[in-house]
Amino acid sequence: MKTIVCPHCGEKTLPKEKKIFDDAFHVKEVKKVCGFCGGEIAPANSGAEGVQGKAAAAAERLSALLGGEKAEKISFAPDADDGRNCLHCRHYIKHPFMDRCGITLQEIDVMGSCGKFEPR
């Protein structure tokens, strides 16, 4: 490994990697820091094209190879009808042997839905 002079403390040091995690414990980014003081060290070859620039260029090359336009992004956000099943209804009665509707008192499928849905 290559030793460098830290811009923060002025000592010769070996840079170490510090991983920054997001809320789901996935690595969001990796930074180079000083081994002594922990100050962030800027990368020596920080070009204008970063990771996102490379990803955009790769997507353009793939689009040119396949001869099509970019597909629109698919949204997985819940809409108004999601969660409108008997399991989330106010009238749902949980029983160890049989699930029932509080209005009709009939056996129901918890993932089914009806017109009398009321949220809890």
PDB file of N, CA and C in Angstrom:
ATOM      1  N   MET A   1       0.825  -1.182   0.000  1.00  0.00           N
ATOM      2  CA  MET A   1       0.000   0.000   0.000  1.00  0.00           C
ATOM      3  C   MET A   1       0.865   1.240   0.000  1.00  0.00           C
ATOM      4  N   LYS A   2       0.328   2.296  -0.467  1.00  0.00           N
ATOM      5  CA  LYS A   2       1.055   3.539  -0.619  1.00  0.00           C
ATOM      6  C   LYS A   2       0.816   4.451   0.584  1.00  0.00           C
ATOM      7  N   THR A   3       1.885   4.958   1.144  1.00  0.00           N
ATOM      8  CA  THR A   3       1.731   5.901   2.253  1.00  0.00           C
ATOM      9  C   THR A   3       1.490   7.289   1.689  1.00  0.00           C
ATOM     10  N   ILE A   4       0.736   8.067   2.434  1.00  0.00           N
ATOM     11  CA  ILE A   4       0.425   9.434   2.031  1.00  0.00           C
ATOM     12  C   ILE A   4       0.622  10.353   3.229  1.00  0.00           C
ATOM     13  N   VAL A   5       0.618  11.646   2.978  1.00  0.00           N
ATOM     14  CA  VAL A   5       0.675  12.636   4.046  1.00  0.00           C
ATOM     15  C   VAL A   5      -0.744  13.135   4.262  1.00  0.00           C
ATOM     16  N   CYS A   6      -1.231  12.991   5.483  1.00  0.00           N
ATOM     17  CA  CYS A   6      -2.601  13.388   5.795  1.00  0.00           C
ATOM     18  C   CYS A   6      -2.733  14.911   5.752  1.00  0.00           C
ATOM     19  N   PRO A   7      -3.745  15.433   5.055  1.00  0.00           N
ATOM     20  CA  PRO A   7      -3.916  16.893   5.021  1.00  0.00           C
ATOM     21  C   PRO A   7      -4.425  17.466   6.343  1.00  0.00           C
ATOM     22  N   HIS A   8      -4.930  16.623   7.233  1.00  0.00           N
ATOM     23  CA  HIS A   8      -5.482  17.106   8.506  1.00  0.00           C
ATOM     24  C   HIS A   8      -4.434  17.155   9.611  1.00  0.00           C
ATOM     25  N   CYS A   9      -3.711  16.035   9.813  1.00  0.00           N
ATOM     26  CA  CYS A   9      -2.748  15.992  10.915  1.00  0.00           C
ATOM     27  C   CYS A   9      -1.306  16.140  10.448  1.00  0.00           C
ATOM     28  N   GLY A  10      -1.034  16.020   9.147  1.00  0.00           N
ATOM     29  CA  GLY A  10       0.306  16.219   8.610  1.00  0.00           C
ATOM     30  C   GLY A  10       1.232  15.032   8.787  1.00  0.00           C
ATOM     31  N   GLU A  11       0.757  13.894   9.249  1.00  0.00           N
ATOM     32  CA  GLU A  11       1.575  12.709   9.470  1.00  0.00           C
ATOM     33  C   GLU A  11       1.541  11.800   8.259  1.00  0.00           C
ATOM     34  N   LYS A  12       2.626  11.028   8.084  1.00  0.00           N
ATOM     35  CA  LYS A  12       2.634   9.997   7.052  1.00  0.00           C
ATOM     36  C   LYS A  12       1.797   8.835   7.560  1.00  0.00           C
ATOM     37  N   THR A  13       0.884   8.369   6.749  1.00  0.00           N
ATOM     38  CA  THR A  13      -0.035   7.332   7.199  1.00  0.00           C
ATOM     39  C   THR A  13      -0.474   6.457   6.042  1.00  0.00           C
ATOM     40  N   LEU A  14      -0.961   5.301   6.392  1.00  0.00           N
ATOM     41  CA  LEU A  14      -1.621   4.430   5.424  1.00  0.00           C
ATOM     42  C   LEU A  14      -3.110   4.732   5.479  1.00  0.00           C
ATOM     43  N   PRO A  15      -3.735   5.045   4.348  1.00  0.00           N
ATOM     44  CA  PRO A  15      -5.179   5.306   4.391  1.00  0.00           C
ATOM     45  C   PRO A  15      -5.951   4.014   4.620  1.00  0.00           C
ATOM     46  N   LYS A  16      -7.015   4.102   5.383  1.00  0.00           N
ATOM     47  CA  LYS A  16      -7.872   2.940   5.579  1.00  0.00           C
ATOM     48  C   LYS A  16      -9.277   3.278   5.087  1.00  0.00           C
ATOM     49  N   GLU A  17     -10.026   2.238   4.806  1.00  0.00           N
ATOM     50  CA  GLU A  17     -11.375   2.435   4.274  1.00  0.00           C
ATOM     51  C   GLU A  17     -12.386   2.478   5.414  1.00  0.00           C
ATOM     52  N   LYS A  18     -13.283   3.449   5.353  1.00  0.00           N
ATOM     53  CA  LYS A  18     -14.365   3.566   6.324  1.00  0.00           C
ATOM     54  C   LYS A  18     -15.667   3.379   5.564  1.00  0.00           C
ATOM     55  N   LYS A  19     -16.453   2.387   5.978  1.00  0.00           N
ATOM     56  CA  LYS A  19     -17.704   2.084   5.291  1.00  0.00           C
ATOM     57  C   LYS A  19     -18.843   2.856   5.943  1.00  0.00           C
ATOM     58  N   ILE A  20     -19.652   3.511   5.117  1.00  0.00           N
ATOM     59  CA  ILE A  20     -20.825   4.255   5.572  1.00  0.00           C
ATOM     60  C   ILE A  20     -22.042   3.411   5.232  1.00  0.00           C
ATOM     61  N   PHE A  21     -22.857   3.084   6.253  1.00  0.00           N
ATOM     62  CA  PHE A  21     -24.015   2.223   6.079  1.00  0.00           C
ATOM     63  C   PHE A  21     -25.301   3.033   6.074  1.00  0.00           C
ATOM     64  N   ASP A  22     -26.330   2.518   5.378  1.00  0.00           N
ATOM     65  CA  ASP A  22     -27.648   3.140   5.436  1.00  0.00           C
ATOM     66  C   ASP A  22     -28.464   2.469   6.533  1.00  0.00           C
ATOM     67  N   ASP A  23     -29.751   2.771   6.628  1.00  0.00           N
ATOM     68  CA  ASP A  23     -30.598   2.265   7.705  1.00  0.00           C
ATOM     69  C   ASP A  23     -30.783   0.755   7.657  1.00  0.00           C
ATOM     70  N   ALA A  24     -30.656   0.149   6.474  1.00  0.00           N
ATOM     71  CA  ALA A  24     -30.867  -1.288   6.327  1.00  0.00           C
ATOM     72  C   ALA A  24     -29.546  -2.047   6.394  1.00  0.00           C
ATOM     73  N   PHE A  25     -28.485  -1.437   6.898  1.00  0.00           N
ATOM     74  CA  PHE A  25     -27.166  -2.035   7.058  1.00  0.00           C
ATOM     75  C   PHE A  25     -26.564  -2.479   5.733  1.00  0.00           C
ATOM     76  N   HIS A  26     -26.828  -1.724   4.676  1.00  0.00           N
ATOM     77  CA  HIS A  26     -26.170  -1.937   3.397  1.00  0.00           C
ATOM     78  C   HIS A  26     -25.106  -0.856   3.250  1.00  0.00           C
ATOM     79  N   VAL A  27     -23.990  -1.189   2.613  1.00  0.00           N
ATOM     80  CA  VAL A  27     -22.919  -0.226   2.434  1.00  0.00           C
ATOM     81  C   VAL A  27     -23.370   0.833   1.439  1.00  0.00           C
ATOM     82  N   LYS A  28     -23.435   2.079   1.915  1.00  0.00           N
ATOM     83  CA  LYS A  28     -23.859   3.179   1.060  1.00  0.00           C
ATOM     84  C   LYS A  28     -22.662   3.730   0.288  1.00  0.00           C
ATOM     85  N   GLU A  29     -21.535   3.909   0.973  1.00  0.00           N
ATOM     86  CA  GLU A  29     -20.333   4.399   0.317  1.00  0.00           C
ATOM     87  C   GLU A  29     -19.113   3.999   1.138  1.00  0.00           C
ATOM     88  N   VAL A  30     -17.959   4.055   0.507  1.00  0.00           N
ATOM     89  CA  VAL A  30     -16.696   3.743   1.162  1.00  0.00           C
ATOM     90  C   VAL A  30     -15.797   4.955   1.013  1.00  0.00           C
ATOM     91  N   LYS A  31     -15.286   5.455   2.145  1.00  0.00           N
ATOM     92  CA  LYS A  31     -14.422   6.636   2.138  1.00  0.00           C
ATOM     93  C   LYS A  31     -13.033   6.228   2.595  1.00  0.00           C
ATOM     94  N   LYS A  32     -12.018   6.943   2.107  1.00  0.00           N
ATOM     95  CA  LYS A  32     -10.639   6.766   2.568  1.00  0.00           C
ATOM     96  C   LYS A  32     -10.414   7.752   3.707  1.00  0.00           C
ATOM     97  N   VAL A  33      -9.903   7.250   4.840  1.00  0.00           N
ATOM     98  CA  VAL A  33      -9.640   8.104   5.996  1.00  0.00           C
ATOM     99  C   VAL A  33      -8.218   7.877   6.485  1.00  0.00           C
ATOM    100  N   CYS A  34      -7.707   8.837   7.235  1.00  0.00           N
ATOM    101  CA  CYS A  34      -6.374   8.755   7.821  1.00  0.00           C
ATOM    102  C   CYS A  34      -6.366   7.691   8.909  1.00  0.00           C
ATOM    103  N   GLY A  35      -5.281   6.923   8.992  1.00  0.00           N
ATOM    104  CA  GLY A  35      -5.165   5.888  10.008  1.00  0.00           C
ATOM    105  C   GLY A  35      -4.965   6.443  11.409  1.00  0.00           C
ATOM    106  N   PHE A  36      -4.441   7.668  11.532  1.00  0.00           N
ATOM    107  CA  PHE A  36      -4.198   8.265  12.837  1.00  0.00           C
ATOM    108  C   PHE A  36      -5.369   9.112  13.336  1.00  0.00           C
ATOM    109  N   CYS A  37      -5.739  10.126  12.555  1.00  0.00           N
ATOM    110  CA  CYS A  37      -6.736  11.079  13.047  1.00  0.00           C
ATOM    111  C   CYS A  37      -8.151  10.780  12.558  1.00  0.00           C
ATOM    112  N   GLY A  38      -8.308   9.953  11.535  1.00  0.00           N
ATOM    113  CA  GLY A  38      -9.625   9.620  11.018  1.00  0.00           C
ATOM    114  C   GLY A  38     -10.199  10.666  10.084  1.00  0.00           C
ATOM    115  N   GLY A  39      -9.386  11.638   9.678  1.00  0.00           N
ATOM    116  CA  GLY A  39      -9.849  12.668   8.752  1.00  0.00           C
ATOM    117  C   GLY A  39     -10.020  12.106   7.351  1.00  0.00           C
ATOM    118  N   GLU A  40     -11.005  12.621   6.638  1.00  0.00           N
ATOM    119  CA  GLU A  40     -11.303  12.110   5.297  1.00  0.00           C
ATOM    120  C   GLU A  40     -10.235  12.574   4.311  1.00  0.00           C
ATOM    121  N   ILE A  41      -9.804  11.643   3.464  1.00  0.00           N
ATOM    122  CA  ILE A  41      -8.786  11.933   2.466  1.00  0.00           C
ATOM    123  C   ILE A  41      -9.450  11.890   1.098  1.00  0.00           C
ATOM    124  N   ALA A  42      -9.273  12.951   0.328  1.00  0.00           N
ATOM    125  CA  ALA A  42      -9.854  13.006  -1.013  1.00  0.00           C
ATOM    126  C   ALA A  42      -9.120  12.029  -1.916  1.00  0.00           C
ATOM    127  N   PRO A  43      -9.832  11.346  -2.807  1.00  0.00           N
ATOM    128  CA  PRO A  43      -9.158  10.417  -3.708  1.00  0.00           C
ATOM    129  C   PRO A  43      -8.231  11.154  -4.661  1.00  0.00           C
ATOM    130  N   ALA A  44      -7.093  10.528  -4.986  1.00  0.00           N
ATOM    131  CA  ALA A  44      -6.086  11.177  -5.824  1.00  0.00           C
ATOM    132  C   ALA A  44      -6.553  11.321  -7.261  1.00  0.00           C
ATOM    133  N   ASN A  45      -7.285  10.339  -7.765  1.00  0.00           N
ATOM    134  CA  ASN A  45      -7.725  10.381  -9.161  1.00  0.00           C
ATOM    135  C   ASN A  45      -9.224  10.590  -9.227  1.00  0.00           C
ATOM    136  N   SER A  46      -9.696  11.689  -8.669  1.00  0.00           N
ATOM    137  CA  SER A  46     -11.128  11.978  -8.697  1.00  0.00           C
ATOM    138  C   SER A  46     -11.463  12.653 -10.016  1.00  0.00           C
ATOM    139  N   GLY A  47     -11.842  11.854 -11.001  1.00  0.00           N
ATOM    140  CA  GLY A  47     -12.194  12.369 -12.315  1.00  0.00           C
ATOM    141  C   GLY A  47     -13.607  12.914 -12.303  1.00  0.00           C
ATOM    142  N   ALA A  48     -14.008  13.513 -13.417  1.00  0.00           N
ATOM    143  CA  ALA A  48     -15.349  14.082 -13.505  1.00  0.00           C
ATOM    144  C   ALA A  48     -16.398  12.992 -13.618  1.00  0.00           C
ATOM    145  N   GLU A  49     -15.970  11.829 -14.124  1.00  0.00           N
ATOM    146  CA  GLU A  49     -16.937  10.751 -14.310  1.00  0.00           C
ATOM    147  C   GLU A  49     -16.876   9.823 -13.092  1.00  0.00           C
ATOM    148  N   GLY A  50     -17.882   9.841 -12.266  1.00  0.00           N
ATOM    149  CA  GLY A  50     -17.952   9.000 -11.082  1.00  0.00           C
ATOM    150  C   GLY A  50     -18.677   7.709 -11.379  1.00  0.00           C
ATOM    151  N   VAL A  51     -19.151   7.074 -10.355  1.00  0.00           N
ATOM    152  CA  VAL A  51     -19.855   5.807 -10.504  1.00  0.00           C
ATOM    153  C   VAL A  51     -21.157   5.987 -11.260  1.00  0.00           C
ATOM    154  N   GLN A  52     -21.892   7.059 -10.959  1.00  0.00           N
ATOM    155  CA  GLN A  52     -23.169   7.279 -11.640  1.00  0.00           C
ATOM    156  C   GLN A  52     -22.952   7.643 -13.101  1.00  0.00           C
ATOM    157  N   GLY A  53     -21.881   8.340 -13.411  1.00  0.00           N
ATOM    158  CA  GLY A  53     -21.564   8.661 -14.794  1.00  0.00           C
ATOM    159  C   GLY A  53     -21.244   7.406 -15.593  1.00  0.00           C
ATOM    160  N   LYS A  54     -20.529   6.481 -14.961  1.00  0.00           N
ATOM    161  CA  LYS A  54     -20.214   5.217 -15.620  1.00  0.00           C
ATOM    162  C   LYS A  54     -21.473   4.386 -15.830  1.00  0.00           C
ATOM    163  N   ALA A  55     -22.374   4.402 -14.860  1.00  0.00           N
ATOM    164  CA  ALA A  55     -23.620   3.648 -14.993  1.00  0.00           C
ATOM    165  C   ALA A  55     -24.483   4.222 -16.117  1.00  0.00           C
ATOM    166  N   ALA A  56     -24.523   5.545 -16.242  1.00  0.00           N
ATOM    167  CA  ALA A  56     -25.299   6.166 -17.313  1.00  0.00           C
ATOM    168  C   ALA A  56     -24.694   5.834 -18.675  1.00  0.00           C
ATOM    169  N   ALA A  57     -23.364   5.839 -18.766  1.00  0.00           N
ATOM    170  CA  ALA A  57     -22.708   5.503 -20.027  1.00  0.00           C
ATOM    171  C   ALA A  57     -22.963   4.046 -20.398  1.00  0.00           C
ATOM    172  N   ALA A  58     -22.946   3.154 -19.404  1.00  0.00           N
ATOM    173  CA  ALA A  58     -23.215   1.739 -19.660  1.00  0.00           C
ATOM    174  C   ALA A  58     -24.655   1.540 -20.124  1.00  0.00           C
ATOM    175  N   ALA A  59     -25.594   2.284 -19.551  1.00  0.00           N
ATOM    176  CA  ALA A  59     -26.997   2.175 -19.961  1.00  0.00           C
ATOM    177  C   ALA A  59     -27.177   2.660 -21.393  1.00  0.00           C
ATOM    178  N   GLU A  60     -26.453   3.713 -21.768  1.00  0.00           N
ATOM    179  CA  GLU A  60     -26.530   4.204 -23.148  1.00  0.00           C
ATOM    180  C   GLU A  60     -25.951   3.189 -24.129  1.00  0.00           C
ATOM    181  N   ARG A  61     -24.830   2.564 -23.762  1.00  0.00           N
ATOM    182  CA  ARG A  61     -24.237   1.552 -24.642  1.00  0.00           C
ATOM    183  C   ARG A  61     -25.165   0.356 -24.803  1.00  0.00           C
ATOM    184  N   LEU A  62     -25.822  -0.064 -23.722  1.00  0.00           N
ATOM    185  CA  LEU A  62     -26.753  -1.179 -23.794  1.00  0.00           C
ATOM    186  C   LEU A  62     -27.964  -0.823 -24.648  1.00  0.00           C
ATOM    187  N   SER A  63     -28.458   0.397 -24.512  1.00  0.00           N
ATOM    188  CA  SER A  63     -29.591   0.845 -25.308  1.00  0.00           C
ATOM    189  C   SER A  63     -29.224   0.879 -26.790  1.00  0.00           C
ATOM    190  N   ALA A  64     -28.020   1.332 -27.106  1.00  0.00           N
ATOM    191  CA  ALA A  64     -27.578   1.363 -28.498  1.00  0.00           C
ATOM    192  C   ALA A  64     -27.419  -0.055 -29.047  1.00  0.00           C
ATOM    193  N   LEU A  65     -26.954  -0.975 -28.210  1.00  0.00           N
ATOM    194  CA  LEU A  65     -26.775  -2.356 -28.634  1.00  0.00           C
ATOM    195  C   LEU A  65     -28.112  -3.029 -28.919  1.00  0.00           C
ATOM    196  N   LEU A  66     -29.102  -2.785 -28.075  1.00  0.00           N
ATOM    197  CA  LEU A  66     -30.407  -3.410 -28.245  1.00  0.00           C
ATOM    198  C   LEU A  66     -31.280  -2.664 -29.242  1.00  0.00           C
ATOM    199  N   GLY A  67     -30.927  -1.455 -29.583  1.00  0.00           N
ATOM    200  CA  GLY A  67     -31.655  -0.701 -30.589  1.00  0.00           C
ATOM    201  C   GLY A  67     -32.997  -0.181 -30.122  1.00  0.00           C
ATOM    202  N   GLY A  68     -33.185  -0.014 -28.857  1.00  0.00           N
ATOM    203  CA  GLY A  68     -34.466   0.488 -28.351  1.00  0.00           C
ATOM    204  C   GLY A  68     -34.265   1.682 -27.459  1.00  0.00           C
ATOM    205  N   GLU A  69     -35.376   2.259 -27.093  1.00  0.00           N
ATOM    206  CA  GLU A  69     -35.307   3.382 -26.171  1.00  0.00           C
ATOM    207  C   GLU A  69     -35.346   2.878 -24.743  1.00  0.00           C
ATOM    208  N   LYS A  70     -35.026   3.755 -23.827  1.00  0.00           N
ATOM    209  CA  LYS A  70     -35.041   3.378 -22.420  1.00  0.00           C
ATOM    210  C   LYS A  70     -36.466   3.115 -21.970  1.00  0.00           C
ATOM    211  N   ALA A  71     -36.626   2.059 -21.199  1.00  0.00           N
ATOM    212  CA  ALA A  71     -37.951   1.740 -20.674  1.00  0.00           C
ATOM    213  C   ALA A  71     -38.247   2.668 -19.499  1.00  0.00           C
ATOM    214  N   GLU A  72     -39.509   2.989 -19.330  1.00  0.00           N
ATOM    215  CA  GLU A  72     -39.871   3.849 -18.206  1.00  0.00           C
ATOM    216  C   GLU A  72     -39.734   3.080 -16.902  1.00  0.00           C
ATOM    217  N   LYS A  73     -39.451   3.795 -15.854  1.00  0.00           N
ATOM    218  CA  LYS A  73     -39.255   3.156 -14.558  1.00  0.00           C
ATOM    219  C   LYS A  73     -40.580   2.665 -14.003  1.00  0.00           C
ATOM    220  N   ILE A  74     -40.530   1.493 -13.405  1.00  0.00           N
ATOM    221  CA  ILE A  74     -41.712   0.894 -12.812  1.00  0.00           C
ATOM    222  C   ILE A  74     -41.794   1.323 -11.350  1.00  0.00           C
ATOM    223  N   SER A  75     -42.957   1.733 -10.933  1.00  0.00           N
ATOM    224  CA  SER A  75     -43.152   2.166  -9.561  1.00  0.00           C
ATOM    225  C   SER A  75     -43.815   1.043  -8.763  1.00  0.00           C
ATOM    226  N   PHE A  76     -43.232   0.731  -7.617  1.00  0.00           N
ATOM    227  CA  PHE A  76     -43.793  -0.275  -6.737  1.00  0.00           C
ATOM    228  C   PHE A  76     -44.458   0.363  -5.522  1.00  0.00           C
ATOM    229  N   ALA A  77     -44.770   1.632  -5.616  1.00  0.00           N
ATOM    230  CA  ALA A  77     -45.417   2.339  -4.517  1.00  0.00           C
ATOM    231  C   ALA A  77     -46.852   1.831  -4.363  1.00  0.00           C
ATOM    232  N   PRO A  78     -47.318   1.684  -3.136  1.00  0.00           N
ATOM    233  CA  PRO A  78     -48.684   1.181  -2.942  1.00  0.00           C
ATOM    234  C   PRO A  78     -49.720   2.193  -3.426  1.00  0.00           C
ATOM    235  N   ASP A  79     -50.787   1.672  -4.007  1.00  0.00           N
ATOM    236  CA  ASP A  79     -51.856   2.553  -4.445  1.00  0.00           C
ATOM    237  C   ASP A  79     -53.018   2.470  -3.457  1.00  0.00           C
ATOM    238  N   ALA A  80     -54.147   3.082  -3.781  1.00  0.00           N
ATOM    239  CA  ALA A  80     -55.275   3.182  -2.847  1.00  0.00           C
ATOM    240  C   ALA A  80     -55.925   1.825  -2.564  1.00  0.00           C
ATOM    241  N   ASP A  81     -55.839   0.876  -3.504  1.00  0.00           N
ATOM    242  CA  ASP A  81     -56.502  -0.411  -3.307  1.00  0.00           C
ATOM    243  C   ASP A  81     -55.659  -1.425  -2.538  1.00  0.00           C
ATOM    244  N   ASP A  82     -54.376  -1.140  -2.335  1.00  0.00           N
ATOM    245  CA  ASP A  82     -53.535  -2.077  -1.592  1.00  0.00           C
ATOM    246  C   ASP A  82     -53.955  -2.106  -0.125  1.00  0.00           C
ATOM    247  N   GLY A  83     -53.975  -3.270   0.449  1.00  0.00           N
ATOM    248  CA  GLY A  83     -54.330  -3.425   1.847  1.00  0.00           C
ATOM    249  C   GLY A  83     -55.819  -3.438   2.110  1.00  0.00           C
ATOM    250  N   ARG A  84     -56.647  -3.480   1.082  1.00  0.00           N
ATOM    251  CA  ARG A  84     -58.097  -3.508   1.270  1.00  0.00           C
ATOM    252  C   ARG A  84     -58.571  -4.955   1.250  1.00  0.00           C
ATOM    253  N   ASN A  85     -57.997  -5.781   2.106  1.00  0.00           N
ATOM    254  CA  ASN A  85     -58.454  -7.159   2.205  1.00  0.00           C
ATOM    255  C   ASN A  85     -58.999  -7.411   3.600  1.00  0.00           C
ATOM    256  N   CYS A  86     -59.616  -8.561   3.772  1.00  0.00           N
ATOM    257  CA  CYS A  86     -60.314  -8.859   5.029  1.00  0.00           C
ATOM    258  C   CYS A  86     -59.380  -8.864   6.236  1.00  0.00           C
ATOM    259  N   LEU A  87     -58.129  -9.172   6.025  1.00  0.00           N
ATOM    260  CA  LEU A  87     -57.179  -9.202   7.129  1.00  0.00           C
ATOM    261  C   LEU A  87     -57.037  -7.831   7.784  1.00  0.00           C
ATOM    262  N   HIS A  88     -57.185  -6.755   7.024  1.00  0.00           N
ATOM    263  CA  HIS A  88     -57.026  -5.397   7.536  1.00  0.00           C
ATOM    264  C   HIS A  88     -58.361  -4.711   7.786  1.00  0.00           C
ATOM    265  N   CYS A  89     -59.441  -5.460   7.776  1.00  0.00           N
ATOM    266  CA  CYS A  89     -60.770  -4.887   7.954  1.00  0.00           C
ATOM    267  C   CYS A  89     -61.126  -4.795   9.442  1.00  0.00           C
ATOM    268  N   ARG A  90     -61.939  -3.846   9.789  1.00  0.00           N
ATOM    269  CA  ARG A  90     -62.403  -3.654  11.159  1.00  0.00           C
ATOM    270  C   ARG A  90     -63.271  -4.816  11.625  1.00  0.00           C
ATOM    271  N   HIS A  91     -63.978  -5.476  10.715  1.00  0.00           N
ATOM    272  CA  HIS A  91     -64.926  -6.529  11.064  1.00  0.00           C
ATOM    273  C   HIS A  91     -64.310  -7.932  11.049  1.00  0.00           C
ATOM    274  N   TYR A  92     -63.010  -8.026  10.865  1.00  0.00           N
ATOM    275  CA  TYR A  92     -62.322  -9.318  10.818  1.00  0.00           C
ATOM    276  C   TYR A  92     -62.253  -9.923  12.215  1.00  0.00           C
ATOM    277  N   ILE A  93     -62.676 -11.172  12.350  1.00  0.00           N
ATOM    278  CA  ILE A  93     -62.629 -11.881  13.634  1.00  0.00           C
ATOM    279  C   ILE A  93     -61.668 -13.049  13.493  1.00  0.00           C
ATOM    280  N   LYS A  94     -60.575 -12.994  14.247  1.00  0.00           N
ATOM    281  CA  LYS A  94     -59.560 -14.044  14.203  1.00  0.00           C
ATOM    282  C   LYS A  94     -59.958 -15.150  15.158  1.00  0.00           C
ATOM    283  N   HIS A  95     -59.910 -16.395  14.679  1.00  0.00           N
ATOM    284  CA  HIS A  95     -60.225 -17.563  15.491  1.00  0.00           C
ATOM    285  C   HIS A  95     -59.211 -18.634  15.137  1.00  0.00           C
ATOM    286  N   PRO A  96     -58.799 -19.469  16.093  1.00  0.00           N
ATOM    287  CA  PRO A  96     -57.783 -20.485  15.787  1.00  0.00           C
ATOM    288  C   PRO A  96     -58.197 -21.480  14.709  1.00  0.00           C
ATOM    289  N   PHE A  97     -59.486 -21.753  14.572  1.00  0.00           N
ATOM    290  CA  PHE A  97     -59.925 -22.760  13.614  1.00  0.00           C
ATOM    291  C   PHE A  97     -60.547 -22.164  12.353  1.00  0.00           C
ATOM    292  N   MET A  98     -61.124 -20.973  12.469  1.00  0.00           N
ATOM    293  CA  MET A  98     -61.869 -20.413  11.345  1.00  0.00           C
ATOM    294  C   MET A  98     -61.880 -18.888  11.467  1.00  0.00           C
ATOM    295  N   ASP A  99     -61.557 -18.197  10.379  1.00  0.00           N
ATOM    296  CA  ASP A  99     -61.624 -16.742  10.355  1.00  0.00           C
ATOM    297  C   ASP A  99     -63.005 -16.336   9.863  1.00  0.00           C
ATOM    298  N   ARG A 100     -63.604 -15.349  10.561  1.00  0.00           N
ATOM    299  CA  ARG A 100     -64.977 -14.958  10.237  1.00  0.00           C
ATOM    300  C   ARG A 100     -65.070 -13.464   9.993  1.00  0.00           C
ATOM    301  N   CYS A 101     -66.163 -13.086   9.302  1.00  0.00           N
ATOM    302  CA  CYS A 101     -66.512 -11.683   9.107  1.00  0.00           C
ATOM    303  C   CYS A 101     -67.468 -11.300  10.233  1.00  0.00           C
ATOM    304  N   GLY A 102     -67.250 -10.135  10.848  1.00  0.00           N
ATOM    305  CA  GLY A 102     -68.097  -9.689  11.941  1.00  0.00           C
ATOM    306  C   GLY A 102     -69.479  -9.259  11.494  1.00  0.00           C
ATOM    307  N   ILE A 103     -69.661  -8.994  10.223  1.00  0.00           N
ATOM    308  CA  ILE A 103     -70.967  -8.569   9.716  1.00  0.00           C
ATOM    309  C   ILE A 103     -71.805  -9.773   9.306  1.00  0.00           C
ATOM    310  N   THR A 104     -71.238 -10.635   8.469  1.00  0.00           N
ATOM    311  CA  THR A 104     -72.004 -11.776   7.945  1.00  0.00           C
ATOM    312  C   THR A 104     -71.850 -13.034   8.780  1.00  0.00           C
ATOM    313  N   LEU A 105     -70.850 -13.070   9.662  1.00  0.00           N
ATOM    314  CA  LEU A 105     -70.525 -14.226  10.503  1.00  0.00           C
ATOM    315  C   LEU A 105     -70.245 -15.489   9.685  1.00  0.00           C
ATOM    316  N   GLN A 106     -69.777 -15.327   8.453  1.00  0.00           N
ATOM    317  CA  GLN A 106     -69.410 -16.451   7.614  1.00  0.00           C
ATOM    318  C   GLN A 106     -67.898 -16.584   7.579  1.00  0.00           C
ATOM    319  N   GLU A 107     -67.442 -17.790   7.237  1.00  0.00           N
ATOM    320  CA  GLU A 107     -66.021 -18.027   7.099  1.00  0.00           C
ATOM    321  C   GLU A 107     -65.503 -17.230   5.900  1.00  0.00           C
ATOM    322  N   ILE A 108     -64.313 -16.614   6.067  1.00  0.00           N
ATOM    323  CA  ILE A 108     -63.764 -15.777   5.011  1.00  0.00           C
ATOM    324  C   ILE A 108     -62.340 -16.187   4.697  1.00  0.00           C
ATOM    325  N   ASP A 109     -61.896 -15.755   3.544  1.00  0.00           N
ATOM    326  CA  ASP A 109     -60.496 -15.852   3.170  1.00  0.00           C
ATOM    327  C   ASP A 109     -59.856 -14.526   3.580  1.00  0.00           C
ATOM    328  N   VAL A 110     -58.781 -14.571   4.359  1.00  0.00           N
ATOM    329  CA  VAL A 110     -58.201 -13.332   4.889  1.00  0.00           C
ATOM    330  C   VAL A 110     -57.649 -12.438   3.789  1.00  0.00           C
ATOM    331  N   MET A 111     -57.292 -12.995   2.641  1.00  0.00           N
ATOM    332  CA  MET A 111     -56.792 -12.178   1.538  1.00  0.00           C
ATOM    333  C   MET A 111     -57.901 -11.775   0.579  1.00  0.00           C
ATOM    334  N   GLY A 112     -59.115 -12.163   0.876  1.00  0.00           N
ATOM    335  CA  GLY A 112     -60.265 -11.768   0.049  1.00  0.00           C
ATOM    336  C   GLY A 112     -60.690 -10.351   0.378  1.00  0.00           C
ATOM    337  N   SER A 113     -61.628  -9.847  -0.395  1.00  0.00           N
ATOM    338  CA  SER A 113     -62.137  -8.497  -0.139  1.00  0.00           C
ATOM    339  C   SER A 113     -63.622  -8.461  -0.422  1.00  0.00           C
ATOM    340  N   CYS A 114     -64.289  -7.459   0.145  1.00  0.00           N
ATOM    341  CA  CYS A 114     -65.712  -7.287  -0.093  1.00  0.00           C
ATOM    342  C   CYS A 114     -66.026  -5.799  -0.124  1.00  0.00           C
ATOM    343  N   GLY A 115     -67.251  -5.473  -0.431  1.00  0.00           N
ATOM    344  CA  GLY A 115     -67.669  -4.084  -0.528  1.00  0.00           C
ATOM    345  C   GLY A 115     -67.884  -3.405   0.810  1.00  0.00           C
ATOM    346  N   LYS A 116     -67.852  -4.178   1.904  1.00  0.00           N
ATOM    347  CA  LYS A 116     -68.110  -3.618   3.239  1.00  0.00           C
ATOM    348  C   LYS A 116     -66.819  -3.370   4.012  1.00  0.00           C
ATOM    349  N   PHE A 117     -65.708  -3.226   3.303  1.00  0.00           N
ATOM    350  CA  PHE A 117     -64.396  -3.033   3.952  1.00  0.00           C
ATOM    351  C   PHE A 117     -64.359  -1.709   4.682  1.00  0.00           C
ATOM    352  N   GLU A 118     -63.898  -1.754   5.931  1.00  0.00           N
ATOM    353  CA  GLU A 118     -63.621  -0.561   6.728  1.00  0.00           C
ATOM    354  C   GLU A 118     -62.245  -0.746   7.358  1.00  0.00           C
ATOM    355  N   PRO A 119     -61.344   0.203   7.196  1.00  0.00           N
ATOM    356  CA  PRO A 119     -60.006   0.027   7.778  1.00  0.00           C
ATOM    357  C   PRO A 119     -60.052   0.050   9.296  1.00  0.00           C
ATOM    358  N   ARG A 120     -59.122  -0.616   9.903  1.00  0.00           N
ATOM    359  CA  ARG A 120     -59.049  -0.680  11.372  1.00  0.00           C
ATOM    360  C   ARG A 120     -58.715   0.646  11.955  1.00  0.00           C
TER     361      ARG A 120
END
